[in-house]
Amino acid sequence: MSFINILLAAQREINAADIANNEDSDYPLHVIDFRSRLLFADLGTGLEIEYYGDVEPDGEPCVWQVFLEALTQPAVANNLTSLRITGADEGANGSRTHDFTDLLSTTTQFPTLVNLFIRPTGVTDHNMVDIMPQQIANLIARCPKLENLTLPHPPEADFFENPLPRLHYLRTGMGWQTHDFIKHLAKSQTMPSLGVLDFTDSLNVFRQNLSDKEQKGFEATPAETASTHDFLKSLGFDNETLLSAEIASQKAQAEVAKTSTFDDKITSFEDYEALLKSTPLKLIHLRNAYLNQSQFSALHTLRPDVQLSA
């Protein structure tokens, strides 16, 4: 079957799934932001695909699984040159998590894929866009001819085990973890053609580097606490119950802090310095970088041939 017939059949399945999954929804299907869709174009020299829709394997039928199944078909995978994965700002528990399990469980390769774009989190989004842990390297290993790559967050260290000799443009979006991305990139020899880097540092920069006074600004004031207690008392809670609840809350927060999987480290000046000393990059755009003006100036002085912006 040709890739045109495969993708048209997939779009029809997606349409049917949208109808089945939205029977009781408050969102009418004629509102385009809530319609899943599979757009494609035969460019003569390759196939370009854009998927817009859910990214988690839920719902029955599941539009995400229909999309991944289409990608695994040889007529699609062997001709694909450009792939964009986007969607509305929707998710569960504050996350829009891409789960590529159904694709990665196959032997599918993308030997002609040049451009891969997985939408990063937008500045006004309510849901953090991410990819299931340990899936990025497996996915990228199947795309040896990538030239342009956009990921929703920095990948784990095993990403750098994949040779990407043609990769020229690399962007990583925002996330809570950096996985020491800049440090690993500075040591990597797998991307010799990389010329443009657009990197977003950990969002913990806004939490980790607050002064004690600023930290307290996020805490309830004694007056606010007293007001809350008065309200709860009006609902029938006694002082002993309120005290027990407060102690339990403090213990729970302490346990979360001990077991948190968030990488609280931000990228250091030394890591950026090592990157500029070791790579052929010509343009670097840094977002959320915790660097002062003198450190930026030092980086410019180190590599005046690099266009460095923030």
Protein backbone atom coordinates (compact mmCIF):
# COMPACT_ATOMS: atom_id res chain seq x y z
CA MET A 1 0.00 0.00 0.00
CA SER A 2 1.33 3.48 -0.84
CA PHE A 3 2.08 5.97 1.91
CA ILE A 4 -0.78 8.15 0.62
CA ASN A 5 -3.31 5.36 1.16
CA ILE A 6 -1.81 4.48 4.55
CA LEU A 7 -2.02 8.07 5.81
CA LEU A 8 -5.50 8.66 4.40
CA ALA A 9 -6.70 5.49 6.15
CA ALA A 10 -5.04 6.67 9.38
CA GLN A 11 -6.77 10.05 9.15
CA ARG A 12 -10.13 8.33 8.71
CA GLU A 13 -9.44 6.25 11.85
CA ILE A 14 -8.45 9.41 13.71
CA ASN A 15 -11.67 11.12 12.61
CA ALA A 16 -13.72 8.16 13.86
CA ALA A 17 -11.81 8.13 17.15
CA ASP A 18 -12.39 11.86 17.63
CA ILE A 19 -16.12 11.36 17.15
CA ALA A 20 -16.24 8.36 19.51
CA ASN A 21 -14.14 10.02 22.21
CA ASN A 22 -15.98 13.36 22.11
CA GLU A 23 -19.58 12.23 22.36
CA ASP A 24 -19.81 13.49 25.94
CA SER A 25 -17.24 16.27 25.62
CA ASP A 26 -17.87 19.96 26.23
CA TYR A 27 -15.68 20.76 23.21
CA PRO A 28 -17.54 20.71 19.87
CA LEU A 29 -15.70 18.94 17.08
CA HIS A 30 -16.04 21.92 14.74
CA VAL A 31 -13.60 23.83 17.00
CA ILE A 32 -10.36 23.17 15.14
CA ASP A 33 -8.10 23.36 18.24
CA PHE A 34 -9.73 20.19 19.56
CA ARG A 35 -9.62 18.14 16.34
CA SER A 36 -6.87 15.57 15.92
CA ARG A 37 -5.39 15.60 12.45
CA LEU A 38 -2.69 14.09 10.30
CA LEU A 39 -1.37 16.43 7.60
CA PHE A 40 1.06 15.26 4.95
CA ALA A 41 2.64 16.34 1.69
CA ASP A 42 4.52 14.45 -0.99
CA LEU A 43 7.45 16.78 -1.72
CA GLY A 44 8.76 14.68 -4.56
CA THR A 45 12.04 14.14 -2.73
CA GLY A 46 10.35 12.90 0.43
CA LEU A 47 7.33 12.87 2.68
CA GLU A 48 6.45 15.58 5.19
CA ILE A 49 4.03 14.78 8.04
CA GLU A 50 2.50 16.91 10.79
CA TYR A 51 0.50 15.29 13.59
CA TYR A 52 -1.73 17.39 15.83
CA GLY A 53 -3.52 15.69 18.71
CA ASP A 54 -3.22 13.66 21.92
CA VAL A 55 0.15 12.11 22.76
CA GLU A 56 -0.76 9.54 25.41
CA PRO A 57 -2.06 6.00 24.74
CA ASP A 58 -5.52 6.47 26.23
CA GLY A 59 -9.02 6.53 24.85
CA GLU A 60 -10.59 3.76 22.82
CA PRO A 61 -9.90 4.01 19.97
CA CYS A 62 -6.68 5.97 20.58
CA VAL A 63 -5.63 8.59 18.01
CA TRP A 64 -2.00 8.57 19.20
CA GLN A 65 -1.71 4.82 18.64
CA VAL A 66 -3.25 5.19 15.19
CA PHE A 67 -0.59 7.78 14.34
CA LEU A 68 2.30 5.69 15.66
CA GLU A 69 1.03 2.63 13.77
CA ALA A 70 1.06 4.65 10.54
CA LEU A 71 4.67 5.70 11.20
CA THR A 72 5.78 2.08 11.51
CA GLN A 73 4.62 1.20 8.00
CA PRO A 74 7.67 0.80 5.69
CA ALA A 75 6.12 2.90 2.91
CA VAL A 76 5.88 5.80 5.39
CA ALA A 77 9.04 5.29 7.48
CA ASN A 78 11.35 4.80 4.48
CA ASN A 79 10.19 8.00 2.74
CA LEU A 80 9.73 10.33 5.70
CA THR A 81 11.95 13.42 5.57
CA SER A 82 10.16 15.83 7.94
CA LEU A 83 8.02 15.12 11.02
CA ARG A 84 6.26 17.63 13.28
CA ILE A 85 4.38 16.54 16.41
CA THR A 86 2.21 19.23 17.99
CA GLY A 87 -1.10 19.63 19.75
CA ALA A 88 -3.27 21.70 22.04
CA ASP A 89 -2.24 22.64 25.57
CA GLU A 90 -3.92 19.61 27.12
CA GLY A 91 -2.58 17.02 29.53
CA ALA A 92 -2.98 15.22 32.84
CA ASN A 93 -1.71 16.53 36.20
CA GLY A 94 0.05 19.44 34.53
CA SER A 95 1.96 17.36 31.95
CA ARG A 96 1.57 16.60 28.26
CA THR A 97 3.67 13.46 28.07
CA HIS A 98 4.64 11.80 24.77
CA ASP A 99 4.71 8.03 25.10
CA PHE A 100 6.44 6.42 22.10
CA THR A 101 6.27 2.85 23.48
CA ASP A 102 4.20 1.50 20.58
CA LEU A 103 6.77 2.80 18.08
CA LEU A 104 9.89 1.91 20.05
CA SER A 105 8.72 -1.68 20.55
CA THR A 106 9.14 -2.20 16.79
CA THR A 107 12.26 -2.29 14.60
CA THR A 108 11.14 0.74 12.58
CA GLN A 109 13.91 2.99 11.24
CA PHE A 110 13.67 6.43 9.60
CA PRO A 111 16.63 6.38 7.21
CA THR A 112 15.69 9.58 5.34
CA LEU A 113 14.34 11.73 8.22
CA VAL A 114 16.06 15.13 8.20
CA ASN A 115 13.77 17.33 10.33
CA LEU A 116 12.16 16.25 13.62
CA PHE A 117 10.12 18.73 15.66
CA ILE A 118 8.34 17.79 18.90
CA ARG A 119 6.64 20.91 20.22
CA PRO A 120 8.23 22.36 23.38
CA THR A 121 6.22 23.94 26.16
CA GLY A 122 4.89 27.38 25.22
CA VAL A 123 5.36 30.30 27.61
CA THR A 124 1.60 30.49 28.21
CA ASP A 125 0.95 26.72 28.43
CA HIS A 126 -0.62 25.20 31.52
CA ASN A 127 0.91 21.77 30.87
CA MET A 128 4.62 20.92 30.77
CA VAL A 129 5.45 19.09 27.53
CA ASP A 130 7.77 16.12 27.98
CA ILE A 131 8.72 12.67 26.70
CA MET A 132 8.65 9.47 28.76
CA PRO A 133 12.01 8.82 30.48
CA GLN A 134 14.67 6.96 28.50
CA GLN A 135 12.79 7.17 25.19
CA ILE A 136 14.59 10.04 23.44
CA ALA A 137 17.85 8.19 22.74
CA ASN A 138 16.00 5.16 21.38
CA LEU A 139 13.94 7.37 19.09
CA ILE A 140 16.90 9.40 17.81
CA ALA A 141 18.97 6.26 17.18
CA ARG A 142 16.48 5.45 14.41
CA CYS A 143 17.12 8.77 12.61
CA PRO A 144 20.80 8.79 11.59
CA LYS A 145 20.44 11.57 8.99
CA LEU A 146 18.85 14.22 11.20
CA GLU A 147 19.88 17.78 10.43
CA ASN A 148 17.35 19.73 12.52
CA LEU A 149 16.04 18.55 15.88
CA THR A 150 13.66 20.21 18.37
CA LEU A 151 12.85 18.45 21.65
CA PRO A 152 10.53 19.57 24.45
CA HIS A 153 13.29 19.26 27.08
CA PRO A 154 16.97 18.27 27.34
CA PRO A 155 17.58 14.56 26.74
CA GLU A 156 19.28 12.09 29.07
CA ALA A 157 22.99 11.27 28.81
CA ASP A 158 22.50 8.24 26.53
CA PHE A 159 21.35 10.63 23.78
CA PHE A 160 25.03 11.43 23.19
CA GLU A 161 25.83 7.82 22.33
CA ASN A 162 24.04 8.25 18.98
CA PRO A 163 26.20 9.50 16.09
CA LEU A 164 24.46 12.39 14.34
CA PRO A 165 27.08 13.54 11.81
CA ARG A 166 24.66 15.81 9.90
CA LEU A 167 22.92 17.50 12.81
CA HIS A 168 23.22 21.28 12.39
CA TYR A 169 20.37 22.74 14.50
CA LEU A 170 19.41 21.56 17.99
CA ARG A 171 16.80 23.08 20.28
CA THR A 172 15.70 21.85 23.71
CA GLY A 173 12.70 23.35 25.48
CA MET A 174 12.05 23.99 29.14
CA GLY A 175 11.83 21.36 31.86
CA TRP A 176 12.62 20.70 35.51
CA GLN A 177 15.68 18.62 34.62
CA THR A 178 18.71 19.44 32.48
CA HIS A 179 20.38 15.99 32.77
CA ASP A 180 23.70 17.93 32.68
CA PHE A 181 22.99 18.50 28.99
CA ILE A 182 25.56 21.26 28.41
CA LYS A 183 28.27 19.35 30.27
CA HIS A 184 27.64 16.24 28.16
CA LEU A 185 27.47 18.25 24.94
CA ALA A 186 30.82 19.87 25.70
CA LYS A 187 32.40 16.39 25.85
CA SER A 188 30.50 14.86 22.95
CA GLN A 189 32.14 13.93 19.65
CA THR A 190 28.94 12.65 18.01
CA MET A 191 27.67 15.92 16.45
CA PRO A 192 30.58 17.39 14.49
CA SER A 193 28.34 19.54 12.25
CA LEU A 194 26.36 21.21 15.05
CA GLY A 195 26.29 24.94 14.35
CA VAL A 196 23.18 26.26 16.14
CA LEU A 197 22.07 25.52 19.70
CA ASP A 198 18.91 26.85 21.35
CA PHE A 199 18.99 25.68 24.98
CA THR A 200 16.56 26.32 27.85
CA ASP A 201 17.98 25.83 31.33
CA SER A 202 16.10 24.22 34.21
CA LEU A 203 13.04 26.03 35.52
CA ASN A 204 14.49 25.44 38.98
CA VAL A 205 16.59 28.56 38.38
CA PHE A 206 13.55 30.45 39.69
CA ARG A 207 13.40 28.34 42.86
CA GLN A 208 16.98 27.41 43.67
CA ASN A 209 18.52 30.89 43.69
CA LEU A 210 16.00 32.85 45.72
CA SER A 211 17.25 34.59 48.85
CA ASP A 212 15.79 33.62 52.22
CA LYS A 213 13.66 36.76 52.07
CA GLU A 214 12.39 35.87 48.58
CA GLN A 215 11.69 32.28 49.62
CA LYS A 216 9.59 33.54 52.50
CA GLY A 217 7.64 35.66 50.03
CA PHE A 218 6.08 32.45 48.71
CA GLU A 219 5.09 31.29 52.19
CA ALA A 220 1.88 32.21 53.96
CA THR A 221 2.24 35.12 56.37
CA PRO A 222 1.16 34.65 60.01
CA ALA A 223 -1.92 36.74 59.28
CA GLU A 224 -2.81 34.54 56.27
CA THR A 225 -2.28 31.39 58.34
CA ALA A 226 -4.46 32.75 61.16
CA SER A 227 -7.17 33.67 58.67
CA THR A 228 -7.12 30.14 57.23
CA HIS A 229 -7.32 28.62 60.71
CA ASP A 230 -10.27 30.85 61.62
CA PHE A 231 -12.08 29.73 58.45
CA LEU A 232 -11.44 26.05 59.17
CA LYS A 233 -12.62 26.49 62.76
CA SER A 234 -15.85 27.96 61.43
CA LEU A 235 -16.33 24.69 59.57
CA GLY A 236 -16.06 22.74 62.83
CA PHE A 237 -12.35 21.79 63.00
CA ASP A 238 -10.80 22.03 66.49
CA ASN A 239 -7.25 23.18 67.35
CA GLU A 240 -5.97 19.63 67.90
CA THR A 241 -7.15 18.52 64.45
CA LEU A 242 -5.62 21.59 62.78
CA LEU A 243 -2.27 21.05 64.54
CA SER A 244 -2.19 17.38 63.56
CA ALA A 245 -2.94 18.28 59.94
CA GLU A 246 -0.17 20.89 59.89
CA ILE A 247 2.39 18.44 61.32
CA ALA A 248 1.34 15.78 58.80
CA SER A 249 1.70 18.29 55.95
CA GLN A 250 5.22 19.26 57.07
CA LYS A 251 6.26 15.59 57.26
CA ALA A 252 4.83 14.89 53.80
CA GLN A 253 6.71 17.84 52.30
CA ALA A 254 9.95 16.62 53.91
CA GLU A 255 9.46 13.13 52.43
CA VAL A 256 8.79 14.58 48.97
CA ALA A 257 11.97 16.66 49.22
CA LYS A 258 14.01 13.55 50.10
CA THR A 259 12.63 11.38 47.30
CA SER A 260 12.15 14.00 44.58
CA THR A 261 13.45 12.96 41.15
CA PHE A 262 13.79 16.57 40.03
CA ASP A 263 17.33 17.54 39.09
CA ASP A 264 17.71 20.78 41.04
CA LYS A 265 21.01 21.68 39.41
CA ILE A 266 21.17 24.55 36.98
CA THR A 267 23.83 24.86 34.29
CA SER A 268 26.98 26.46 35.63
CA PHE A 269 29.15 29.09 34.01
CA GLU A 270 31.95 26.51 33.91
CA ASP A 271 29.79 24.15 31.81
CA TYR A 272 29.00 26.91 29.30
CA GLU A 273 32.70 27.81 29.22
CA ALA A 274 33.67 24.18 28.50
CA LEU A 275 31.07 24.05 25.71
CA LEU A 276 32.48 27.10 23.94
CA LYS A 277 36.01 25.74 24.20
CA SER A 278 35.15 22.37 22.69
CA THR A 279 32.50 22.72 19.97
CA PRO A 280 32.24 24.30 16.49
CA LEU A 281 29.00 26.12 17.40
CA LYS A 282 28.43 29.44 15.63
CA LEU A 283 25.16 30.53 17.24
CA ILE A 284 23.94 29.87 20.77
CA HIS A 285 20.64 31.08 22.20
CA LEU A 286 20.29 30.59 25.95
CA ARG A 287 16.95 30.76 27.76
CA ASN A 288 16.61 30.91 31.57
CA ALA A 289 20.42 30.95 31.82
CA TYR A 290 21.58 31.87 35.32
CA LEU A 291 24.49 34.03 34.22
CA ASN A 292 25.34 37.60 35.14
CA GLN A 293 26.55 40.27 32.74
CA SER A 294 30.23 39.72 33.47
CA GLN A 295 29.88 35.99 32.79
CA PHE A 296 28.15 36.66 29.48
CA SER A 297 30.97 39.05 28.60
CA ALA A 298 33.55 36.43 29.50
CA LEU A 299 31.87 33.92 27.19
CA HIS A 300 31.83 36.48 24.36
CA THR A 301 35.53 37.15 24.92
CA LEU A 302 36.31 33.44 24.91
CA ARG A 303 34.64 32.89 21.52
CA PRO A 304 34.09 36.22 19.71
CA ASP A 305 33.18 34.25 16.57
CA VAL A 306 30.06 32.82 18.25
CA GLN A 307 26.79 34.73 18.16
CA LEU A 308 25.63 34.40 21.77
CA SER A 309 22.19 35.63 22.82
CA ALA A 310 19.78 35.22 25.70
